[in-house]
PDB file of N, CA and C in Angstrom:
ATOM      1  N   MET A   1      18.837  12.158 -61.036  1.00  0.00           N
ATOM      2  CA  MET A   1      19.671  12.847 -60.104  1.00  0.00           C
ATOM      3  C   MET A   1      21.014  12.110 -60.046  1.00  0.00           C
ATOM      4  N   PRO A   2      22.103  12.816 -60.336  1.00  0.00           N
ATOM      5  CA  PRO A   2      23.414  12.170 -60.364  1.00  0.00           C
ATOM      6  C   PRO A   2      23.911  11.918 -58.946  1.00  0.00           C
ATOM      7  N   THR A   3      24.536  10.817 -58.780  1.00  0.00           N
ATOM      8  CA  THR A   3      25.130  10.504 -57.470  1.00  0.00           C
ATOM      9  C   THR A   3      26.628  10.708 -57.559  1.00  0.00           C
ATOM     10  N   ASP A   4      27.157  11.195 -56.476  1.00  0.00           N
ATOM     11  CA  ASP A   4      28.604  11.418 -56.413  1.00  0.00           C
ATOM     12  C   ASP A   4      29.306  10.083 -56.211  1.00  0.00           C
ATOM     13  N   PRO A   5      30.424   9.897 -56.875  1.00  0.00           N
ATOM     14  CA  PRO A   5      31.169   8.658 -56.649  1.00  0.00           C
ATOM     15  C   PRO A   5      31.702   8.648 -55.221  1.00  0.00           C
ATOM     16  N   PRO A   6      31.818   7.481 -54.606  1.00  0.00           N
ATOM     17  CA  PRO A   6      32.342   7.437 -53.231  1.00  0.00           C
ATOM     18  C   PRO A   6      33.759   7.979 -53.185  1.00  0.00           C
ATOM     19  N   ARG A   7      33.991   8.775 -52.165  1.00  0.00           N
ATOM     20  CA  ARG A   7      35.325   9.381 -52.016  1.00  0.00           C
ATOM     21  C   ARG A   7      36.267   8.366 -51.403  1.00  0.00           C
ATOM     22  N   ARG A   8      37.399   8.278 -51.979  1.00  0.00           N
ATOM     23  CA  ARG A   8      38.422   7.406 -51.418  1.00  0.00           C
ATOM     24  C   ARG A   8      39.273   8.220 -50.452  1.00  0.00           C
ATOM     25  N   GLU A   9      39.507   7.646 -49.305  1.00  0.00           N
ATOM     26  CA  GLU A   9      40.294   8.339 -48.291  1.00  0.00           C
ATOM     27  C   GLU A   9      41.772   8.157 -48.605  1.00  0.00           C
ATOM     28  N   ASN A  10      42.483   9.224 -48.421  1.00  0.00           N
ATOM     29  CA  ASN A  10      43.919   9.200 -48.637  1.00  0.00           C
ATOM     30  C   ASN A  10      44.552   8.325 -47.548  1.00  0.00           C
ATOM     31  N   PRO A  11      45.361   7.325 -47.893  1.00  0.00           N
ATOM     32  CA  PRO A  11      45.967   6.453 -46.874  1.00  0.00           C
ATOM     33  C   PRO A  11      46.861   7.212 -45.903  1.00  0.00           C
ATOM     34  N   ASP A  12      47.481   8.295 -46.374  1.00  0.00           N
ATOM     35  CA  ASP A  12      48.334   9.080 -45.473  1.00  0.00           C
ATOM     36  C   ASP A  12      47.502   9.757 -44.396  1.00  0.00           C
ATOM     37  N   ASP A  13      46.297  10.227 -44.759  1.00  0.00           N
ATOM     38  CA  ASP A  13      45.428  10.858 -43.765  1.00  0.00           C
ATOM     39  C   ASP A  13      44.999   9.852 -42.696  1.00  0.00           C
ATOM     40  N   ALA A  14      44.665   8.649 -43.131  1.00  0.00           N
ATOM     41  CA  ALA A  14      44.246   7.623 -42.179  1.00  0.00           C
ATOM     42  C   ALA A  14      45.387   7.267 -41.226  1.00  0.00           C
ATOM     43  N   ARG A  15      46.592   7.136 -41.760  1.00  0.00           N
ATOM     44  CA  ARG A  15      47.735   6.816 -40.908  1.00  0.00           C
ATOM     45  C   ARG A  15      48.044   7.962 -39.947  1.00  0.00           C
ATOM     46  N   ALA A  16      47.901   9.188 -40.420  1.00  0.00           N
ATOM     47  CA  ALA A  16      48.164  10.348 -39.558  1.00  0.00           C
ATOM     48  C   ALA A  16      47.155  10.404 -38.410  1.00  0.00           C
ATOM     49  N   ARG A  17      45.864  10.135 -38.715  1.00  0.00           N
ATOM     50  CA  ARG A  17      44.859  10.128 -37.657  1.00  0.00           C
ATOM     51  C   ARG A  17      45.135   9.015 -36.642  1.00  0.00           C
ATOM     52  N   GLU A  18      45.489   7.854 -37.133  1.00  0.00           N
ATOM     53  CA  GLU A  18      45.802   6.729 -36.243  1.00  0.00           C
ATOM     54  C   GLU A  18      47.014   7.042 -35.369  1.00  0.00           C
ATOM     55  N   ALA A  19      48.011   7.673 -35.952  1.00  0.00           N
ATOM     56  CA  ALA A  19      49.206   8.036 -35.185  1.00  0.00           C
ATOM     57  C   ALA A  19      48.857   9.058 -34.110  1.00  0.00           C
ATOM     58  N   ARG A  20      48.011  10.046 -34.445  1.00  0.00           N
ATOM     59  CA  ARG A  20      47.593  11.042 -33.457  1.00  0.00           C
ATOM     60  C   ARG A  20      46.836  10.377 -32.310  1.00  0.00           C
ATOM     61  N   ARG A  21      45.923   9.454 -32.630  1.00  0.00           N
ATOM     62  CA  ARG A  21      45.163   8.762 -31.586  1.00  0.00           C
ATOM     63  C   ARG A  21      46.093   7.948 -30.689  1.00  0.00           C
ATOM     64  N   THR A  22      47.054   7.290 -31.282  1.00  0.00           N
ATOM     65  CA  THR A  22      47.994   6.488 -30.497  1.00  0.00           C
ATOM     66  C   THR A  22      48.826   7.369 -29.580  1.00  0.00           C
ATOM     67  N   LEU A  23      49.324   8.475 -30.105  1.00  0.00           N
ATOM     68  CA  LEU A  23      50.129   9.384 -29.279  1.00  0.00           C
ATOM     69  C   LEU A  23      49.304   9.992 -28.150  1.00  0.00           C
ATOM     70  N   GLU A  24      48.052  10.336 -28.426  1.00  0.00           N
ATOM     71  CA  GLU A  24      47.199  10.885 -27.374  1.00  0.00           C
ATOM     72  C   GLU A  24      46.938   9.852 -26.286  1.00  0.00           C
ATOM     73  N   ARG A  25      46.712   8.593 -26.687  1.00  0.00           N
ATOM     74  CA  ARG A  25      46.469   7.535 -25.709  1.00  0.00           C
ATOM     75  C   ARG A  25      47.712   7.310 -24.844  1.00  0.00           C
ATOM     76  N   VAL A  26      48.885   7.273 -25.464  1.00  0.00           N
ATOM     77  CA  VAL A  26      50.126   7.079 -24.708  1.00  0.00           C
ATOM     78  C   VAL A  26      50.342   8.245 -23.754  1.00  0.00           C
ATOM     79  N   ASP A  27      50.068   9.455 -24.203  1.00  0.00           N
ATOM     80  CA  ASP A  27      50.224  10.633 -23.348  1.00  0.00           C
ATOM     81  C   ASP A  27      49.288  10.557 -22.146  1.00  0.00           C
ATOM     82  N   ARG A  28      48.037  10.170 -22.378  1.00  0.00           N
ATOM     83  CA  ARG A  28      47.078  10.053 -21.277  1.00  0.00           C
ATOM     84  C   ARG A  28      47.510   8.996 -20.278  1.00  0.00           C
ATOM     85  N   GLU A  29      47.934   7.837 -20.775  1.00  0.00           N
ATOM     86  CA  GLU A  29      48.294   6.747 -19.878  1.00  0.00           C
ATOM     87  C   GLU A  29      49.541   7.051 -19.062  1.00  0.00           C
ATOM     88  N   THR A  30      50.555   7.613 -19.676  1.00  0.00           N
ATOM     89  CA  THR A  30      51.775   7.915 -18.927  1.00  0.00           C
ATOM     90  C   THR A  30      51.538   9.043 -17.944  1.00  0.00           C
ATOM     91  N   GLU A  31      50.716  10.003 -18.302  1.00  0.00           N
ATOM     92  CA  GLU A  31      50.418  11.096 -17.391  1.00  0.00           C
ATOM     93  C   GLU A  31      49.682  10.569 -16.169  1.00  0.00           C
ATOM     94  N   THR A  32      48.731   9.700 -16.366  1.00  0.00           N
ATOM     95  CA  THR A  32      47.963   9.149 -15.264  1.00  0.00           C
ATOM     96  C   THR A  32      48.836   8.302 -14.359  1.00  0.00           C
ATOM     97  N   ILE A  33      49.636   7.438 -14.927  1.00  0.00           N
ATOM     98  CA  ILE A  33      50.459   6.532 -14.124  1.00  0.00           C
ATOM     99  C   ILE A  33      51.531   7.307 -13.376  1.00  0.00           C
ATOM    100  N   GLY A  34      52.270   8.151 -14.078  1.00  0.00           N
ATOM    101  CA  GLY A  34      53.376   8.866 -13.452  1.00  0.00           C
ATOM    102  C   GLY A  34      52.941   9.838 -12.384  1.00  0.00           C
ATOM    103  N   ARG A  35      51.974  10.627 -12.681  1.00  0.00           N
ATOM    104  CA  ARG A  35      51.555  11.639 -11.708  1.00  0.00           C
ATOM    105  C   ARG A  35      50.815  11.027 -10.544  1.00  0.00           C
ATOM    106  N   SER A  36      49.987  10.052 -10.787  1.00  0.00           N
ATOM    107  CA  SER A  36      49.232   9.484  -9.680  1.00  0.00           C
ATOM    108  C   SER A  36      50.147   8.711  -8.733  1.00  0.00           C
ATOM    109  N   ALA A  37      51.137   8.007  -9.254  1.00  0.00           N
ATOM    110  CA  ALA A  37      52.059   7.277  -8.381  1.00  0.00           C
ATOM    111  C   ALA A  37      52.881   8.245  -7.548  1.00  0.00           C
ATOM    112  N   GLY A  38      53.371   9.299  -8.174  1.00  0.00           N
ATOM    113  CA  GLY A  38      54.136  10.301  -7.428  1.00  0.00           C
ATOM    114  C   GLY A  38      53.288  11.014  -6.398  1.00  0.00           C
ATOM    115  N   ALA A  39      52.062  11.324  -6.764  1.00  0.00           N
ATOM    116  CA  ALA A  39      51.170  12.002  -5.820  1.00  0.00           C
ATOM    117  C   ALA A  39      50.821  11.094  -4.649  1.00  0.00           C
ATOM    118  N   ARG A  40      50.560   9.813  -4.941  1.00  0.00           N
ATOM    119  CA  ARG A  40      50.246   8.876  -3.858  1.00  0.00           C
ATOM    120  C   ARG A  40      51.432   8.709  -2.917  1.00  0.00           C
ATOM    121  N   MET A  41      52.619   8.588  -3.479  1.00  0.00           N
ATOM    122  CA  MET A  41      53.804   8.404  -2.645  1.00  0.00           C
ATOM    123  C   MET A  41      54.050   9.650  -1.787  1.00  0.00           C
ATOM    124  N   GLY A  42      53.898  10.823  -2.372  1.00  0.00           N
ATOM    125  CA  GLY A  42      54.082  12.051  -1.608  1.00  0.00           C
ATOM    126  C   GLY A  42      53.048  12.197  -0.506  1.00  0.00           C
ATOM    127  N   GLN A  43      51.804  11.833  -0.802  1.00  0.00           N
ATOM    128  CA  GLN A  43      50.748  11.918   0.207  1.00  0.00           C
ATOM    129  C   GLN A  43      50.982  10.922   1.333  1.00  0.00           C
ATOM    130  N   ARG A  44      51.426   9.714   0.986  1.00  0.00           N
ATOM    131  CA  ARG A  44      51.717   8.717   2.024  1.00  0.00           C
ATOM    132  C   ARG A  44      52.855   9.180   2.925  1.00  0.00           C
ATOM    133  N   MET A  45      53.888   9.793   2.328  1.00  0.00           N
ATOM    134  CA  MET A  45      55.006  10.268   3.124  1.00  0.00           C
ATOM    135  C   MET A  45      54.568  11.412   4.041  1.00  0.00           C
ATOM    136  N   ALA A  46      53.755  12.319   3.517  1.00  0.00           N
ATOM    137  CA  ALA A  46      53.256  13.424   4.338  1.00  0.00           C
ATOM    138  C   ALA A  46      52.383  12.903   5.480  1.00  0.00           C
ATOM    139  N   ASP A  47      51.523  11.934   5.186  1.00  0.00           N
ATOM    140  CA  ASP A  47      50.685  11.350   6.234  1.00  0.00           C
ATOM    141  C   ASP A  47      51.534  10.641   7.286  1.00  0.00           C
ATOM    142  N   HIS A  48      52.572   9.959   6.841  1.00  0.00           N
ATOM    143  CA  HIS A  48      53.439   9.244   7.773  1.00  0.00           C
ATOM    144  C   HIS A  48      54.138  10.203   8.733  1.00  0.00           C
ATOM    145  N   PHE A  49      54.738  11.264   8.196  1.00  0.00           N
ATOM    146  CA  PHE A  49      55.473  12.192   9.055  1.00  0.00           C
ATOM    147  C   PHE A  49      54.544  13.075   9.876  1.00  0.00           C
ATOM    148  N   ALA A  50      53.288  13.227   9.465  1.00  0.00           N
ATOM    149  CA  ALA A  50      52.335  14.009  10.253  1.00  0.00           C
ATOM    150  C   ALA A  50      51.692  13.177  11.357  1.00  0.00           C
ATOM    151  N   GLY A  51      51.938  11.874  11.361  1.00  0.00           N
ATOM    152  CA  GLY A  51      51.378  11.014  12.396  1.00  0.00           C
ATOM    153  C   GLY A  51      49.887  10.784  12.233  1.00  0.00           C
ATOM    154  N   ARG A  52      49.402  10.822  11.012  1.00  0.00           N
ATOM    155  CA  ARG A  52      47.958  10.657  10.804  1.00  0.00           C
ATOM    156  C   ARG A  52      47.474   9.243  11.096  1.00  0.00           C
ATOM    157  N   ASP A  53      48.393   8.276  11.148  1.00  0.00           N
ATOM    158  CA  ASP A  53      47.976   6.919  11.479  1.00  0.00           C
ATOM    159  C   ASP A  53      47.641   6.782  12.959  1.00  0.00           C
ATOM    160  N   ALA A  54      48.038   7.747  13.784  1.00  0.00           N
ATOM    161  CA  ALA A  54      47.724   7.710  15.210  1.00  0.00           C
ATOM    162  C   ALA A  54      46.420   8.439  15.515  1.00  0.00           C
ATOM    163  N   GLN A  55      45.868   9.137  14.566  1.00  0.00           N
ATOM    164  CA  GLN A  55      44.632   9.871  14.815  1.00  0.00           C
ATOM    165  C   GLN A  55      43.449   8.910  14.783  1.00  0.00           C
ATOM    166  N   GLY A  56      42.673   8.933  15.841  1.00  0.00           N
ATOM    167  CA  GLY A  56      41.521   8.050  15.948  1.00  0.00           C
ATOM    168  C   GLY A  56      41.893   6.635  16.320  1.00  0.00           C
ATOM    169  N   ALA A  57      43.079   6.434  16.890  1.00  0.00           N
ATOM    170  CA  ALA A  57      43.536   5.084  17.221  1.00  0.00           C
ATOM    171  C   ALA A  57      43.194   4.683  18.649  1.00  0.00           C
ATOM    172  N   GLY A  58      42.505   5.555  19.366  1.00  0.00           N
ATOM    173  CA  GLY A  58      42.135   5.229  20.745  1.00  0.00           C
ATOM    174  C   GLY A  58      41.066   4.150  20.804  1.00  0.00           C
ATOM    175  N   PRO A  59      40.742   3.693  22.048  1.00  0.00           N
ATOM    176  CA  PRO A  59      39.780   2.600  22.171  1.00  0.00           C
ATOM    177  C   PRO A  59      38.386   2.946  21.657  1.00  0.00           C
ATOM    178  N   HIS A  60      37.982   4.179  21.744  1.00  0.00           N
ATOM    179  CA  HIS A  60      36.653   4.583  21.264  1.00  0.00           C
ATOM    180  C   HIS A  60      36.747   5.519  20.068  1.00  0.00           C
ATOM    181  N   GLY A  61      37.846   5.467  19.366  1.00  0.00           N
ATOM    182  CA  GLY A  61      38.024   6.295  18.179  1.00  0.00           C
ATOM    183  C   GLY A  61      38.541   7.693  18.475  1.00  0.00           C
ATOM    184  N   GLU A  62      38.913   7.947  19.731  1.00  0.00           N
ATOM    185  CA  GLU A  62      39.431   9.283  20.047  1.00  0.00           C
ATOM    186  C   GLU A  62      40.916   9.347  19.714  1.00  0.00           C
ATOM    187  N   THR A  63      41.405  10.568  19.619  1.00  0.00           N
ATOM    188  CA  THR A  63      42.798  10.813  19.257  1.00  0.00           C
ATOM    189  C   THR A  63      43.543  11.309  20.478  1.00  0.00           C
ATOM    190  N   ASP A  64      44.644  10.650  20.794  1.00  0.00           N
ATOM    191  CA  ASP A  64      45.494  11.073  21.902  1.00  0.00           C
ATOM    192  C   ASP A  64      46.549  12.019  21.340  1.00  0.00           C
ATOM    193  N   PRO A  65      46.508  13.306  21.718  1.00  0.00           N
ATOM    194  CA  PRO A  65      47.469  14.263  21.154  1.00  0.00           C
ATOM    195  C   PRO A  65      48.920  13.914  21.469  1.00  0.00           C
ATOM    196  N   MET A  66      49.167  13.308  22.629  1.00  0.00           N
ATOM    197  CA  MET A  66      50.549  12.950  22.970  1.00  0.00           C
ATOM    198  C   MET A  66      51.066  11.850  22.045  1.00  0.00           C
ATOM    199  N   GLU A  67      50.201  10.918  21.675  1.00  0.00           N
ATOM    200  CA  GLU A  67      50.626   9.864  20.768  1.00  0.00           C
ATOM    201  C   GLU A  67      50.929  10.429  19.383  1.00  0.00           C
ATOM    202  N   VAL A  68      50.091  11.360  18.931  1.00  0.00           N
ATOM    203  CA  VAL A  68      50.313  11.968  17.617  1.00  0.00           C
ATOM    204  C   VAL A  68      51.633  12.732  17.610  1.00  0.00           C
ATOM    205  N   TRP A  69      51.843  13.572  18.641  1.00  0.00           N
ATOM    206  CA  TRP A  69      53.076  14.354  18.681  1.00  0.00           C
ATOM    207  C   TRP A  69      54.302  13.473  18.916  1.00  0.00           C
ATOM    208  N   GLY A  70      54.142  12.405  19.678  1.00  0.00           N
ATOM    209  CA  GLY A  70      55.249  11.476  19.879  1.00  0.00           C
ATOM    210  C   GLY A  70      55.679  10.828  18.565  1.00  0.00           C
ATOM    211  N   LYS A  71      54.708  10.432  17.761  1.00  0.00           N
ATOM    212  CA  LYS A  71      55.039   9.843  16.455  1.00  0.00           C
ATOM    213  C   LYS A  71      55.689  10.878  15.547  1.00  0.00           C
ATOM    214  N   ARG A  72      55.167  12.098  15.560  1.00  0.00           N
ATOM    215  CA  ARG A  72      55.745  13.152  14.708  1.00  0.00           C
ATOM    216  C   ARG A  72      57.201  13.417  15.093  1.00  0.00           C
ATOM    217  N   ILE A  73      57.455  13.560  16.384  1.00  0.00           N
ATOM    218  CA  ILE A  73      58.817  13.860  16.839  1.00  0.00           C
ATOM    219  C   ILE A  73      59.747  12.689  16.551  1.00  0.00           C
ATOM    220  N   GLY A  74      59.297  11.481  16.854  1.00  0.00           N
ATOM    221  CA  GLY A  74      60.129  10.308  16.618  1.00  0.00           C
ATOM    222  C   GLY A  74      60.476  10.132  15.149  1.00  0.00           C
ATOM    223  N   ARG A  75      59.507  10.332  14.283  1.00  0.00           N
ATOM    224  CA  ARG A  75      59.759  10.168  12.848  1.00  0.00           C
ATOM    225  C   ARG A  75      60.632  11.290  12.304  1.00  0.00           C
ATOM    226  N   ALA A  76      60.481  12.491  12.856  1.00  0.00           N
ATOM    227  CA  ALA A  76      61.322  13.605  12.404  1.00  0.00           C
ATOM    228  C   ALA A  76      62.772  13.408  12.848  1.00  0.00           C
ATOM    229  N   LEU A  77      62.979  12.848  14.042  1.00  0.00           N
ATOM    230  CA  LEU A  77      64.341  12.608  14.525  1.00  0.00           C
ATOM    231  C   LEU A  77      64.980  11.393  13.850  1.00  0.00           C
ATOM    232  N   ALA A  78      64.177  10.498  13.316  1.00  0.00           N
ATOM    233  CA  ALA A  78      64.714   9.302  12.674  1.00  0.00           C
ATOM    234  C   ALA A  78      65.490   9.644  11.403  1.00  0.00           C
ATOM    235  N   VAL A  79      65.068  10.680  10.687  1.00  0.00           N
ATOM    236  CA  VAL A  79      65.737  11.034   9.432  1.00  0.00           C
ATOM    237  C   VAL A  79      67.177  11.487   9.664  1.00  0.00           C
ATOM    238  N   PRO A  80      67.441  12.485  10.541  1.00  0.00           N
ATOM    239  CA  PRO A  80      68.846  12.865  10.749  1.00  0.00           C
ATOM    240  C   PRO A  80      69.673  11.750  11.401  1.00  0.00           C
ATOM    241  N   PHE A  81      69.049  10.929  12.241  1.00  0.00           N
ATOM    242  CA  PHE A  81      69.774   9.816  12.840  1.00  0.00           C
ATOM    243  C   PHE A  81      70.194   8.808  11.772  1.00  0.00           C
ATOM    244  N   PHE A  82      69.333   8.552  10.811  1.00  0.00           N
ATOM    245  CA  PHE A  82      69.666   7.645   9.716  1.00  0.00           C
ATOM    246  C   PHE A  82      70.824   8.206   8.883  1.00  0.00           C
ATOM    247  N   VAL A  83      70.807   9.492   8.624  1.00  0.00           N
ATOM    248  CA  VAL A  83      71.898  10.121   7.870  1.00  0.00           C
ATOM    249  C   VAL A  83      73.197  10.017   8.664  1.00  0.00           C
ATOM    250  N   PHE A  84      73.121  10.278   9.974  1.00  0.00           N
ATOM    251  CA  PHE A  84      74.301  10.145  10.827  1.00  0.00           C
ATOM    252  C   PHE A  84      74.866   8.726  10.764  1.00  0.00           C
ATOM    253  N   LEU A  85      73.983   7.720  10.830  1.00  0.00           N
ATOM    254  CA  LEU A  85      74.443   6.335  10.771  1.00  0.00           C
ATOM    255  C   LEU A  85      75.111   6.019   9.440  1.00  0.00           C
ATOM    256  N   LEU A  86      74.567   6.536   8.339  1.00  0.00           N
ATOM    257  CA  LEU A  86      75.187   6.314   7.037  1.00  0.00           C
ATOM    258  C   LEU A  86      76.587   6.930   6.970  1.00  0.00           C
ATOM    259  N   VAL A  87      76.721   8.148   7.484  1.00  0.00           N
ATOM    260  CA  VAL A  87      78.030   8.817   7.469  1.00  0.00           C
ATOM    261  C   VAL A  87      79.009   8.067   8.369  1.00  0.00           C
ATOM    262  N   TRP A  88      78.572   7.689   9.558  1.00  0.00           N
ATOM    263  CA  TRP A  88      79.426   6.948  10.484  1.00  0.00           C
ATOM    264  C   TRP A  88      79.877   5.619   9.865  1.00  0.00           C
ATOM    265  N   LEU A  89      78.948   4.926   9.227  1.00  0.00           N
ATOM    266  CA  LEU A  89      79.298   3.667   8.582  1.00  0.00           C
ATOM    267  C   LEU A  89      80.275   3.899   7.432  1.00  0.00           C
ATOM    268  N   GLY A  90      80.077   4.972   6.703  1.00  0.00           N
ATOM    269  CA  GLY A  90      80.983   5.292   5.599  1.00  0.00           C
ATOM    270  C   GLY A  90      82.406   5.532   6.073  1.00  0.00           C
ATOM    271  N   PHE A  91      82.561   6.271   7.172  1.00  0.00           N
ATOM    272  CA  PHE A  91      83.905   6.516   7.703  1.00  0.00           C
ATOM    273  C   PHE A  91      84.486   5.279   8.360  1.00  0.00           C
ATOM    274  N   THR A  92      83.652   4.476   8.996  1.00  0.00           N
ATOM    275  CA  THR A  92      84.127   3.264   9.656  1.00  0.00           C
ATOM    276  C   THR A  92      84.646   2.251   8.645  1.00  0.00           C
ATOM    277  N   LEU A  93      83.944   2.107   7.545  1.00  0.00           N
ATOM    278  CA  LEU A  93      84.333   1.135   6.522  1.00  0.00           C
ATOM    279  C   LEU A  93      85.258   1.731   5.458  1.00  0.00           C
ATOM    280  N   ASN A  94      85.706   2.964   5.691  1.00  0.00           N
ATOM    281  CA  ASN A  94      86.624   3.676   4.788  1.00  0.00           C
ATOM    282  C   ASN A  94      86.079   3.808   3.363  1.00  0.00           C
ATOM    283  N   TRP A  95      84.804   4.155   3.268  1.00  0.00           N
ATOM    284  CA  TRP A  95      84.208   4.431   1.950  1.00  0.00           C
ATOM    285  C   TRP A  95      84.651   5.799   1.449  1.00  0.00           C
ATOM    286  N   TRP A  96      84.968   6.683   2.393  1.00  0.00           N
ATOM    287  CA  TRP A  96      85.348   8.048   1.999  1.00  0.00           C
ATOM    288  C   TRP A  96      86.789   8.289   2.319  1.00  0.00           C
TER     289      TRP A  96
END
């Protein structure tokens, strides 16, 4: 029974497969890092402005609605106040 000679792999095929694997790995890693960091930051910002850190902060784990709404209102008003301060500082120091 004749045996087939071992097939030699084309070096270009091996390099192409290796390049594809490398590109797929880089794509997976950058997708995971970029999207997860952006998603985490967006979720943290949403939680911060929604006052979720005040929920369950009572002595027995209860949530005080006035504390939650107070944090929400205070944090919402802080953004335009910060912008106002930047503009005021810009005009005061003659940046504009």
